[in-house]
Amino acid sequence: MKNKKEEPLPQIEGYEPEQRTISMLAANVWAMVVMVVAGGVGWWLIKWIHPDAALAAVDVLWFIAMFCVGIVVHELIHGLTWIALVKESFSHLSFGTMPGGVYCHIDVPMTKRNYVIGALMPGLLTGLVPWLVGIAAGSLLWTLLGAVMIGAAMGDIMIVRAIRKETPDTLVYDHPSLGGCYVYRKIDIQ
């Protein structure tokens, strides 16, 4: 893993980049709030639907192992989704750590629609799906893991919120060193 580093922004003729970043501190605070709320609601729903559900001591070890794997899978899902949508090679991806989190960076501009799909996919697949499956199956382990992974997607959700008013075909470039992206604005030449 490597730290996020500055890199030159792609120059797109007729467009000018505008930075849209988030505070990693705020993302981590929101992550904790969401983890507690989703975990509490999930726990309550399981106890209501499956009153005999319980956590075994071994579940704590499984939770830790699955969380560590889940973070790696979360970042891989970002990368695999973006690569599939922009039809580029894996050489355009980089993974690593940054203050306040881990990251997957793609160095290819894409439409807002594709960027948002790639940004939200990990929260859906590693967070919401396990949370719902855990509730349905009466598994506190999967429900709590899903809750934590939903929280882990808060930075992604905040980035998507920062570009929510842009049109779906707006060009977006993942920020190379901070949590966020650049939105490319068409330059009015008169």
Protein backbone atom coordinates (compact mmCIF):
# COMPACT_ATOMS: atom_id res chain seq x y z
CA MET A 1 0.00 0.00 0.00
CA LYS A 2 1.14 3.52 -0.69
CA ASN A 3 0.05 6.98 0.35
CA LYS A 4 -2.00 9.09 -2.01
CA LYS A 5 0.25 11.46 -3.93
CA GLU A 6 -0.32 14.51 -6.05
CA GLU A 7 -0.29 13.88 -9.76
CA PRO A 8 -0.94 16.20 -12.67
CA LEU A 9 -4.61 16.55 -13.52
CA PRO A 10 -5.66 15.47 -16.97
CA GLN A 11 -6.15 18.44 -19.27
CA ILE A 12 -9.38 18.20 -21.23
CA GLU A 13 -9.66 20.75 -24.01
CA GLY A 14 -12.50 23.19 -23.40
CA TYR A 15 -12.88 22.20 -19.74
CA GLU A 16 -11.57 23.50 -16.42
CA PRO A 17 -11.37 21.33 -13.25
CA GLU A 18 -13.14 22.35 -10.03
CA GLN A 19 -12.11 20.54 -6.82
CA ARG A 20 -14.78 18.82 -4.68
CA THR A 21 -13.30 17.28 -1.54
CA ILE A 22 -14.54 16.15 1.84
CA SER A 23 -13.12 16.26 5.35
CA MET A 24 -11.83 12.81 6.29
CA LEU A 25 -12.42 13.70 9.96
CA ALA A 26 -16.08 14.45 9.22
CA ALA A 27 -16.36 11.24 7.18
CA ASN A 28 -14.98 9.20 10.09
CA VAL A 29 -17.29 10.89 12.61
CA TRP A 30 -20.29 10.19 10.38
CA ALA A 31 -19.05 6.64 9.90
CA MET A 32 -19.14 6.06 13.67
CA VAL A 33 -22.64 7.53 13.96
CA VAL A 34 -23.94 5.40 11.10
CA MET A 35 -22.27 2.25 12.48
CA VAL A 36 -23.93 2.74 15.87
CA VAL A 37 -27.36 3.53 14.39
CA ALA A 38 -27.31 0.73 11.77
CA GLY A 39 -25.91 -1.72 14.33
CA GLY A 40 -28.53 -0.74 16.93
CA VAL A 41 -31.44 -0.90 14.48
CA GLY A 42 -30.16 -4.22 13.10
CA TRP A 43 -29.72 -5.68 16.61
CA TRP A 44 -33.25 -4.56 17.58
CA LEU A 45 -34.78 -6.00 14.38
CA ILE A 46 -33.02 -9.34 14.85
CA LYS A 47 -34.10 -9.60 18.50
CA TRP A 48 -37.65 -8.74 17.45
CA ILE A 49 -37.76 -11.20 14.51
CA HIS A 50 -35.39 -13.87 15.89
CA PRO A 51 -35.56 -13.61 19.73
CA ASP A 52 -33.10 -16.49 20.25
CA ALA A 53 -30.32 -15.00 18.10
CA ALA A 54 -27.02 -14.54 19.94
CA LEU A 55 -23.34 -13.83 19.35
CA ALA A 56 -20.87 -16.58 20.23
CA ALA A 57 -17.36 -15.74 21.44
CA VAL A 58 -15.94 -17.09 18.17
CA ASP A 59 -18.13 -14.59 16.29
CA VAL A 60 -15.95 -11.76 17.61
CA LEU A 61 -12.89 -13.32 15.98
CA TRP A 62 -14.82 -13.92 12.77
CA PHE A 63 -16.04 -10.31 12.86
CA ILE A 64 -12.48 -8.95 13.12
CA ALA A 65 -11.24 -11.17 10.29
CA MET A 66 -14.23 -10.38 8.07
CA PHE A 67 -13.90 -6.65 8.73
CA CYS A 68 -10.24 -6.67 7.64
CA VAL A 69 -11.09 -8.62 4.49
CA GLY A 70 -14.15 -6.40 3.97
CA ILE A 71 -12.07 -3.21 3.82
CA VAL A 72 -9.84 -4.70 1.12
CA VAL A 73 -12.88 -6.00 -0.80
CA HIS A 74 -14.55 -2.57 -0.46
CA GLU A 75 -11.63 -0.89 -2.25
CA LEU A 76 -11.40 -3.66 -4.86
CA ILE A 77 -15.09 -3.19 -5.66
CA HIS A 78 -14.47 0.52 -6.32
CA GLY A 79 -11.67 -0.34 -8.72
CA LEU A 80 -13.37 -3.25 -10.48
CA THR A 81 -16.57 -1.26 -10.97
CA TRP A 82 -14.79 1.80 -12.37
CA ILE A 83 -12.57 -0.30 -14.65
CA ALA A 84 -15.62 -2.17 -15.98
CA LEU A 85 -17.54 1.08 -16.59
CA VAL A 86 -14.74 3.03 -18.30
CA LYS A 87 -13.37 -0.06 -20.09
CA GLU A 88 -9.74 0.58 -19.12
CA SER A 89 -6.97 -1.66 -17.80
CA PHE A 90 -6.06 -2.27 -14.16
CA SER A 91 -2.92 -0.18 -14.68
CA HIS A 92 -5.12 2.90 -14.13
CA LEU A 93 -5.85 1.88 -10.51
CA SER A 94 -3.82 2.51 -7.38
CA PHE A 95 -4.57 1.45 -3.80
CA GLY A 96 -3.15 2.63 -0.51
CA THR A 97 -3.63 4.65 2.65
CA MET A 98 -4.25 8.33 3.29
CA PRO A 99 -4.79 10.26 6.51
CA GLY A 100 -8.12 9.01 7.83
CA GLY A 101 -8.61 6.04 5.55
CA VAL A 102 -7.69 3.73 2.73
CA TYR A 103 -8.36 4.38 -0.94
CA CYS A 104 -8.72 3.15 -4.47
CA HIS A 105 -7.82 5.80 -7.05
CA ILE A 106 -8.49 5.65 -10.77
CA ASP A 107 -6.58 8.02 -13.02
CA VAL A 108 -9.18 8.17 -15.79
CA PRO A 109 -11.86 10.89 -16.12
CA MET A 110 -15.38 9.46 -16.35
CA THR A 111 -18.98 10.60 -16.33
CA LYS A 112 -20.58 11.48 -12.99
CA ARG A 113 -22.96 8.57 -13.50
CA ASN A 114 -20.09 6.05 -13.71
CA TYR A 115 -18.19 7.70 -10.87
CA VAL A 116 -21.23 7.54 -8.58
CA ILE A 117 -21.93 3.88 -9.41
CA GLY A 118 -18.32 2.97 -8.59
CA ALA A 119 -18.35 5.10 -5.44
CA LEU A 120 -21.56 3.56 -4.03
CA MET A 121 -21.17 -0.07 -5.11
CA PRO A 122 -18.97 -1.15 -2.12
CA GLY A 123 -21.41 0.27 0.44
CA LEU A 124 -24.20 -1.65 -1.25
CA LEU A 125 -22.36 -4.97 -1.67
CA THR A 126 -20.28 -5.08 1.54
CA GLY A 127 -22.64 -3.08 3.75
CA LEU A 128 -26.34 -2.99 2.92
CA VAL A 129 -26.61 -6.52 1.48
CA PRO A 130 -24.91 -8.28 4.46
CA TRP A 131 -26.91 -6.09 6.88
CA LEU A 132 -30.23 -7.10 5.28
CA VAL A 133 -29.21 -10.77 4.88
CA GLY A 134 -28.09 -10.83 8.52
CA ILE A 135 -31.45 -9.48 9.70
CA ALA A 136 -33.39 -11.93 7.52
CA ALA A 137 -31.25 -14.89 8.64
CA GLY A 138 -31.08 -13.86 12.30
CA SER A 139 -27.29 -13.49 12.19
CA LEU A 140 -25.99 -10.82 14.53
CA LEU A 141 -22.50 -11.34 13.07
CA TRP A 142 -23.55 -10.48 9.50
CA THR A 143 -25.85 -7.68 10.63
CA LEU A 144 -23.14 -5.98 12.69
CA LEU A 145 -20.55 -6.51 9.96
CA GLY A 146 -22.96 -4.95 7.45
CA ALA A 147 -23.55 -2.01 9.80
CA VAL A 148 -19.80 -1.38 10.12
CA MET A 149 -19.31 -1.63 6.35
CA ILE A 150 -22.20 0.79 5.74
CA GLY A 151 -20.35 3.17 8.05
CA ALA A 152 -17.14 2.54 6.12
CA ALA A 153 -18.92 3.84 3.01
CA MET A 154 -19.73 7.24 4.56
CA GLY A 155 -16.79 8.97 2.85
CA ASP A 156 -18.05 7.65 -0.49
CA ILE A 157 -21.57 8.86 0.29
CA MET A 158 -20.25 12.30 1.26
CA ILE A 159 -18.30 12.56 -2.02
CA VAL A 160 -21.40 11.62 -4.00
CA ARG A 161 -23.35 14.23 -2.04
CA ALA A 162 -20.73 16.86 -2.97
CA ILE A 163 -21.45 16.30 -6.69
CA ARG A 164 -25.18 15.53 -6.45
CA LYS A 165 -26.28 18.64 -8.39
CA GLU A 166 -24.08 17.88 -11.41
CA THR A 167 -25.66 16.38 -14.51
CA PRO A 168 -25.09 12.63 -15.10
CA ASP A 169 -22.79 13.29 -18.09
CA THR A 170 -20.55 15.77 -16.23
CA LEU A 171 -16.90 14.68 -16.40
CA VAL A 172 -15.42 13.70 -13.02
CA TYR A 173 -11.86 12.78 -12.08
CA ASP A 174 -11.05 11.04 -8.79
CA HIS A 175 -8.91 13.31 -6.61
CA PRO A 176 -5.35 11.96 -6.60
CA SER A 177 -4.43 12.93 -3.02
CA LEU A 178 -7.60 13.81 -1.03
CA GLY A 179 -11.02 12.31 -0.45
CA GLY A 180 -13.09 13.63 -3.31
CA CYS A 181 -12.88 14.45 -6.98
CA TYR A 182 -12.62 17.14 -9.61
CA VAL A 183 -15.61 18.18 -11.69
CA TYR A 184 -14.76 19.45 -15.16
CA ARG A 185 -16.60 22.62 -16.16
CA LYS A 186 -17.04 23.60 -19.79
CA ILE A 187 -15.24 26.88 -20.49
CA ASP A 188 -17.40 29.47 -22.22
CA ILE A 189 -15.26 30.88 -25.03
CA GLN A 190 -16.73 34.00 -26.57
